[in-house]
């Protein structure tokens, strides 16, 4: 198996970086911030949003519920309030399966 350098994690991400991570417009990230109370990015003196790794984790969960599972905003809000642990668990499973798929595709590419 090839060596993979561990990704370095930053302490803060700017909103443009976050939008690029999720392939969403910056306006969507701002909108989700208003709609979901679990998102609370810090703001610097200029008022720029600074997202911490915990915010990124919450955004991954929101993105998963809205874009991948097709939930509505209200449905995602209710789901997060009623079963946050289950939502985190399901996201972890989805991420693990996605990583396994990528690894298998990489192996298939090396074989061919």
N, C-alpha and C. Protein backbone atom coordinates (compact mmCIF):
# COMPACT_ATOMS: atom_id res chain seq x y z
N UNK A 1 0.85 -1.17 0.00
CA UNK A 1 0.00 0.00 0.00
C UNK A 1 0.89 1.24 0.00
N UNK A 2 0.60 2.22 -0.85
CA UNK A 2 1.46 3.39 -0.92
C UNK A 2 1.37 4.24 0.34
N UNK A 3 2.46 4.96 0.58
CA UNK A 3 2.51 5.86 1.74
C UNK A 3 1.59 7.04 1.51
N UNK A 4 0.84 7.36 2.52
CA UNK A 4 -0.04 8.53 2.44
C UNK A 4 0.30 9.45 3.59
N UNK A 5 0.64 10.65 3.25
CA UNK A 5 0.97 11.62 4.27
C UNK A 5 -0.32 12.06 4.95
N UNK A 6 -0.27 12.14 6.27
CA UNK A 6 -1.45 12.53 7.02
C UNK A 6 -1.77 14.00 6.75
N UNK A 7 -3.03 14.26 6.51
CA UNK A 7 -3.44 15.64 6.26
C UNK A 7 -3.24 16.47 7.52
N UNK A 8 -2.70 17.64 7.34
CA UNK A 8 -2.56 18.54 8.48
C UNK A 8 -3.85 19.31 8.63
N UNK A 9 -4.25 19.45 9.84
CA UNK A 9 -5.51 20.13 10.13
C UNK A 9 -5.21 21.52 10.67
N UNK A 10 -5.85 22.49 10.09
CA UNK A 10 -5.65 23.86 10.52
C UNK A 10 -6.52 24.15 11.75
N UNK A 11 -6.16 25.19 12.48
CA UNK A 11 -6.97 25.59 13.63
C UNK A 11 -8.23 26.34 13.18
N UNK A 12 -8.10 27.14 12.13
CA UNK A 12 -9.22 27.91 11.63
C UNK A 12 -9.25 27.86 10.11
N UNK A 13 -10.45 27.82 9.55
CA UNK A 13 -10.63 27.86 8.11
C UNK A 13 -11.48 29.07 7.78
N UNK A 14 -11.11 29.77 6.71
CA UNK A 14 -11.93 30.90 6.27
C UNK A 14 -13.11 30.37 5.48
N UNK A 15 -14.13 31.21 5.36
CA UNK A 15 -15.37 30.75 4.74
C UNK A 15 -15.17 30.32 3.29
N UNK A 16 -14.27 30.96 2.57
CA UNK A 16 -13.99 30.56 1.19
C UNK A 16 -13.40 29.16 1.11
N UNK A 17 -12.52 28.83 2.05
CA UNK A 17 -11.94 27.49 2.09
C UNK A 17 -13.01 26.45 2.41
N UNK A 18 -13.89 26.81 3.32
CA UNK A 18 -14.96 25.90 3.72
C UNK A 18 -15.91 25.66 2.55
N UNK A 19 -16.27 26.73 1.86
CA UNK A 19 -17.16 26.60 0.70
C UNK A 19 -16.54 25.70 -0.36
N UNK A 20 -15.23 25.83 -0.55
CA UNK A 20 -14.53 25.00 -1.54
C UNK A 20 -14.51 23.53 -1.10
N UNK A 21 -14.34 23.28 0.20
CA UNK A 21 -14.32 21.91 0.72
C UNK A 21 -15.60 21.17 0.37
N UNK A 22 -16.72 21.88 0.47
CA UNK A 22 -18.02 21.25 0.27
C UNK A 22 -18.61 21.51 -1.11
N UNK A 23 -17.86 22.19 -1.98
CA UNK A 23 -18.34 22.54 -3.32
C UNK A 23 -19.68 23.26 -3.26
N UNK A 24 -19.75 24.20 -2.35
CA UNK A 24 -20.96 25.00 -2.16
C UNK A 24 -20.58 26.48 -2.28
N UNK A 25 -21.51 27.31 -2.68
CA UNK A 25 -21.23 28.75 -2.69
C UNK A 25 -21.09 29.28 -1.25
N UNK A 26 -20.35 30.36 -1.11
CA UNK A 26 -20.16 30.97 0.20
C UNK A 26 -21.50 31.36 0.80
N UNK A 27 -22.43 31.82 -0.04
CA UNK A 27 -23.74 32.23 0.46
C UNK A 27 -24.49 31.07 1.10
N UNK A 28 -24.29 29.86 0.59
CA UNK A 28 -24.95 28.68 1.17
C UNK A 28 -24.40 28.39 2.56
N UNK A 29 -23.09 28.53 2.73
CA UNK A 29 -22.48 28.30 4.04
C UNK A 29 -23.01 29.33 5.04
N UNK A 30 -23.11 30.58 4.61
CA UNK A 30 -23.67 31.63 5.49
C UNK A 30 -25.13 31.31 5.84
N UNK A 31 -25.89 30.86 4.85
CA UNK A 31 -27.30 30.51 5.07
C UNK A 31 -27.42 29.38 6.08
N UNK A 32 -26.60 28.33 5.92
CA UNK A 32 -26.64 27.22 6.86
C UNK A 32 -26.27 27.67 8.26
N UNK A 33 -25.37 28.63 8.36
CA UNK A 33 -24.98 29.15 9.67
C UNK A 33 -26.20 29.77 10.38
N UNK A 34 -27.04 30.45 9.62
CA UNK A 34 -28.24 31.07 10.20
C UNK A 34 -29.31 30.03 10.54
N UNK A 35 -29.39 28.99 9.74
CA UNK A 35 -30.44 27.99 9.88
C UNK A 35 -30.17 26.94 10.95
N UNK A 36 -28.89 26.63 11.20
CA UNK A 36 -28.54 25.56 12.14
C UNK A 36 -27.75 26.14 13.31
N UNK A 37 -28.30 25.98 14.50
CA UNK A 37 -27.65 26.56 15.68
C UNK A 37 -26.40 25.81 16.12
N UNK A 38 -26.10 24.66 15.51
CA UNK A 38 -24.86 23.95 15.86
C UNK A 38 -23.65 24.59 15.19
N UNK A 39 -23.89 25.47 14.22
CA UNK A 39 -22.79 26.17 13.56
C UNK A 39 -22.56 27.52 14.24
N UNK A 40 -21.41 27.66 14.84
CA UNK A 40 -21.08 28.91 15.51
C UNK A 40 -19.62 29.27 15.24
N UNK A 41 -19.32 29.72 13.99
CA UNK A 41 -17.94 30.08 13.70
C UNK A 41 -17.53 31.34 14.47
N UNK A 42 -16.27 31.40 14.80
CA UNK A 42 -15.74 32.59 15.46
C UNK A 42 -15.62 33.68 14.42
N UNK A 43 -15.56 34.92 14.87
CA UNK A 43 -15.36 36.04 13.96
C UNK A 43 -14.17 36.85 14.46
N UNK A 44 -13.33 37.27 13.52
CA UNK A 44 -12.19 38.09 13.91
C UNK A 44 -12.63 39.55 14.03
N UNK A 45 -11.68 40.45 14.26
CA UNK A 45 -12.01 41.86 14.45
C UNK A 45 -12.68 42.48 13.24
N UNK A 46 -12.37 41.97 12.07
CA UNK A 46 -12.99 42.48 10.84
C UNK A 46 -14.37 41.89 10.60
N UNK A 47 -14.73 40.86 11.35
CA UNK A 47 -16.02 40.21 11.18
C UNK A 47 -15.97 39.01 10.25
N UNK A 48 -14.77 38.63 9.82
CA UNK A 48 -14.63 37.44 8.96
C UNK A 48 -14.88 36.18 9.78
N UNK A 49 -15.60 35.25 9.19
CA UNK A 49 -15.89 34.00 9.87
C UNK A 49 -14.66 33.10 9.85
N UNK A 50 -14.39 32.48 11.00
CA UNK A 50 -13.29 31.53 11.13
C UNK A 50 -13.87 30.23 11.67
N UNK A 51 -13.88 29.22 10.83
CA UNK A 51 -14.48 27.93 11.19
C UNK A 51 -13.43 27.03 11.82
N UNK A 52 -13.76 26.49 12.98
CA UNK A 52 -12.88 25.56 13.68
C UNK A 52 -13.18 24.13 13.20
N UNK A 53 -12.29 23.17 13.49
CA UNK A 53 -12.55 21.78 13.06
C UNK A 53 -13.91 21.25 13.51
N UNK A 54 -14.38 21.64 14.68
CA UNK A 54 -15.71 21.21 15.14
C UNK A 54 -16.80 21.75 14.22
N UNK A 55 -16.64 23.00 13.76
CA UNK A 55 -17.61 23.57 12.81
C UNK A 55 -17.58 22.80 11.49
N UNK A 56 -16.39 22.40 11.05
CA UNK A 56 -16.26 21.64 9.80
C UNK A 56 -16.98 20.30 9.95
N UNK A 57 -16.81 19.68 11.10
CA UNK A 57 -17.50 18.40 11.36
C UNK A 57 -19.02 18.59 11.30
N UNK A 58 -19.51 19.66 11.91
CA UNK A 58 -20.95 19.94 11.88
C UNK A 58 -21.42 20.25 10.46
N UNK A 59 -20.60 20.98 9.70
CA UNK A 59 -20.96 21.27 8.31
C UNK A 59 -20.98 19.99 7.47
N UNK A 60 -20.06 19.08 7.71
CA UNK A 60 -20.07 17.80 7.00
C UNK A 60 -21.37 17.06 7.27
N UNK A 61 -21.81 17.11 8.51
CA UNK A 61 -23.05 16.44 8.87
C UNK A 61 -24.25 17.11 8.19
N UNK A 62 -24.29 18.42 8.21
CA UNK A 62 -25.38 19.16 7.56
C UNK A 62 -25.38 18.90 6.06
N UNK A 63 -24.20 18.96 5.46
CA UNK A 63 -24.08 18.71 4.02
C UNK A 63 -24.55 17.30 3.67
N UNK A 64 -24.17 16.35 4.49
CA UNK A 64 -24.59 14.96 4.28
C UNK A 64 -26.11 14.83 4.33
N UNK A 65 -26.72 15.44 5.34
CA UNK A 65 -28.17 15.33 5.49
C UNK A 65 -28.91 16.02 4.35
N UNK A 66 -28.46 17.21 3.97
CA UNK A 66 -29.17 17.98 2.95
C UNK A 66 -28.88 17.51 1.54
N UNK A 67 -27.62 17.29 1.22
CA UNK A 67 -27.25 17.00 -0.16
C UNK A 67 -27.23 15.51 -0.49
N UNK A 68 -26.73 14.70 0.41
CA UNK A 68 -26.61 13.27 0.11
C UNK A 68 -27.86 12.49 0.48
N UNK A 69 -28.48 12.86 1.59
CA UNK A 69 -29.69 12.13 1.99
C UNK A 69 -30.96 12.81 1.50
N UNK A 70 -30.84 14.05 1.01
CA UNK A 70 -31.97 14.75 0.41
C UNK A 70 -33.01 15.27 1.39
N UNK A 71 -32.61 15.52 2.62
CA UNK A 71 -33.55 16.04 3.61
C UNK A 71 -33.84 17.53 3.37
N UNK A 72 -34.98 17.96 3.87
CA UNK A 72 -35.30 19.38 3.86
C UNK A 72 -34.60 20.04 5.04
N UNK A 73 -34.60 21.37 5.06
CA UNK A 73 -33.99 22.09 6.19
C UNK A 73 -34.68 21.73 7.50
N UNK A 74 -36.02 21.73 7.48
CA UNK A 74 -36.76 21.38 8.69
C UNK A 74 -36.49 19.94 9.12
N UNK A 75 -36.46 19.04 8.14
CA UNK A 75 -36.20 17.64 8.44
C UNK A 75 -34.81 17.45 9.05
N UNK A 76 -33.82 18.14 8.49
CA UNK A 76 -32.45 18.02 9.01
C UNK A 76 -32.36 18.60 10.42
N UNK A 77 -33.03 19.74 10.66
CA UNK A 77 -33.02 20.35 12.00
C UNK A 77 -33.62 19.39 13.03
N UNK A 78 -34.78 18.81 12.69
CA UNK A 78 -35.45 17.88 13.61
C UNK A 78 -34.60 16.63 13.84
N UNK A 79 -33.99 16.15 12.77
CA UNK A 79 -33.15 14.95 12.87
C UNK A 79 -31.96 15.22 13.80
N UNK A 80 -31.35 16.37 13.68
CA UNK A 80 -30.21 16.72 14.54
C UNK A 80 -30.62 16.88 15.99
N UNK A 81 -31.81 17.43 16.21
CA UNK A 81 -32.26 17.62 17.60
C UNK A 81 -32.66 16.30 18.25
N UNK A 82 -33.23 15.41 17.46
CA UNK A 82 -33.74 14.17 18.05
C UNK A 82 -32.67 13.09 18.18
N UNK A 83 -31.72 13.05 17.27
CA UNK A 83 -30.76 11.96 17.31
C UNK A 83 -29.40 12.34 16.81
N UNK A 84 -28.74 13.25 17.49
CA UNK A 84 -27.43 13.73 17.04
C UNK A 84 -26.40 12.59 17.02
N UNK A 85 -26.41 11.74 18.02
CA UNK A 85 -25.43 10.65 18.06
C UNK A 85 -25.63 9.69 16.89
N UNK A 86 -26.88 9.40 16.57
CA UNK A 86 -27.16 8.51 15.44
C UNK A 86 -26.72 9.17 14.13
N UNK A 87 -26.96 10.47 14.02
CA UNK A 87 -26.55 11.19 12.81
C UNK A 87 -25.03 11.15 12.64
N UNK A 88 -24.31 11.36 13.73
CA UNK A 88 -22.84 11.29 13.68
C UNK A 88 -22.39 9.89 13.28
N UNK A 89 -23.03 8.88 13.84
CA UNK A 89 -22.68 7.49 13.55
C UNK A 89 -22.92 7.16 12.09
N UNK A 90 -24.07 7.58 11.56
CA UNK A 90 -24.39 7.29 10.16
C UNK A 90 -23.43 8.01 9.21
N UNK A 91 -23.04 9.23 9.57
CA UNK A 91 -22.07 9.96 8.75
C UNK A 91 -20.72 9.25 8.77
N UNK A 92 -20.32 8.76 9.91
CA UNK A 92 -19.06 8.04 10.03
C UNK A 92 -19.07 6.78 9.16
N UNK A 93 -20.19 6.08 9.15
CA UNK A 93 -20.33 4.88 8.31
C UNK A 93 -20.24 5.27 6.83
N UNK A 94 -20.93 6.32 6.45
CA UNK A 94 -20.91 6.77 5.05
C UNK A 94 -19.50 7.16 4.64
N UNK A 95 -18.77 7.87 5.51
CA UNK A 95 -17.39 8.26 5.21
C UNK A 95 -16.48 7.05 5.07
N UNK A 96 -16.66 6.08 5.95
CA UNK A 96 -15.85 4.86 5.89
C UNK A 96 -16.10 4.11 4.59
N UNK A 97 -17.35 3.97 4.21
CA UNK A 97 -17.68 3.30 2.96
C UNK A 97 -17.13 4.05 1.75
N UNK A 98 -17.19 5.38 1.79
CA UNK A 98 -16.64 6.19 0.71
C UNK A 98 -15.12 5.99 0.60
N UNK A 99 -14.44 5.94 1.74
CA UNK A 99 -12.99 5.72 1.73
C UNK A 99 -12.64 4.33 1.20
N UNK A 100 -13.41 3.33 1.58
CA UNK A 100 -13.18 1.97 1.08
C UNK A 100 -13.37 1.93 -0.43
N UNK A 101 -14.39 2.59 -0.90
CA UNK A 101 -14.65 2.63 -2.35
C UNK A 101 -13.49 3.27 -3.08
N UNK A 102 -12.99 4.41 -2.56
CA UNK A 102 -11.85 5.08 -3.19
C UNK A 102 -10.62 4.17 -3.22
N UNK A 103 -10.38 3.47 -2.13
CA UNK A 103 -9.24 2.58 -2.05
C UNK A 103 -9.37 1.44 -3.07
N UNK A 104 -10.57 0.88 -3.18
CA UNK A 104 -10.80 -0.20 -4.14
C UNK A 104 -10.63 0.29 -5.57
N UNK A 105 -11.12 1.48 -5.87
CA UNK A 105 -10.94 2.04 -7.21
C UNK A 105 -9.47 2.28 -7.52
N UNK A 106 -8.72 2.72 -6.52
CA UNK A 106 -7.29 2.93 -6.69
C UNK A 106 -6.58 1.61 -6.96
N UNK A 107 -6.94 0.58 -6.22
CA UNK A 107 -6.34 -0.74 -6.43
C UNK A 107 -6.69 -1.26 -7.81
N UNK A 108 -7.93 -1.09 -8.23
CA UNK A 108 -8.36 -1.53 -9.56
C UNK A 108 -7.57 -0.81 -10.64
N UNK A 109 -7.30 0.49 -10.43
CA UNK A 109 -6.52 1.26 -11.39
C UNK A 109 -5.08 0.77 -11.49
N UNK A 110 -4.52 0.32 -10.37
CA UNK A 110 -3.15 -0.19 -10.38
C UNK A 110 -3.06 -1.55 -11.06
N UNK A 111 -4.13 -2.33 -10.97
CA UNK A 111 -4.14 -3.67 -11.57
C UNK A 111 -4.23 -3.57 -13.08
N UNK A 112 -5.07 -2.64 -13.57
CA UNK A 112 -5.30 -2.51 -15.02
C UNK A 112 -4.14 -1.87 -15.70
